[in-house]
Amino acid sequence: MLRTYQMPDFTELLSDEAETGALLRLIRETPQPRLPALVEKLSVEKKLSNHLLLMATREGLLDFLIATVSARTGVSFEQVKIDMLHGDATLVGRVLVKAGISNVMCEYFWRALIATRDKYEEPRKATG
């Protein structure tokens, strides 16, 4: 693109941004009980980056954060949910580091988490 149009090639950046948007839409549309399977699939496909996880957290997709941390650490979904929704910065940071998120990134996750966790809604149970 640089040679042809005499302008920088942002194709890869735009492609990454479009893929992130598509993945966030997929996460948003996936029912909570199916999130662990989605986490596994994205992980196998090498699409489950910490960047995607941070973007999901910023959008309030906390069940996805919880499912991912649970899968990465082996800690139950329910325990991770308690830690993420009620823990202080130290506890949350410890859990995130255990899930493979760097100490530097933990601050960004903490900010996103405290901005969204008060709005967290439990998934509705199906009524028969």
Foldseek 3Di string as FASTA:
>chain_A
DCVPPVDDDCPVVVVLVVVLVVVLVVLVPDDLVCLLVVLVVCVVVVNDDVVSLLVNLLVLSVSNVLSLLCVQQVPDSVVSCCCLLPNDLVSQLVSVVSSVDDSVCSVSSRVSSVVRSVVDDDDDDDDD
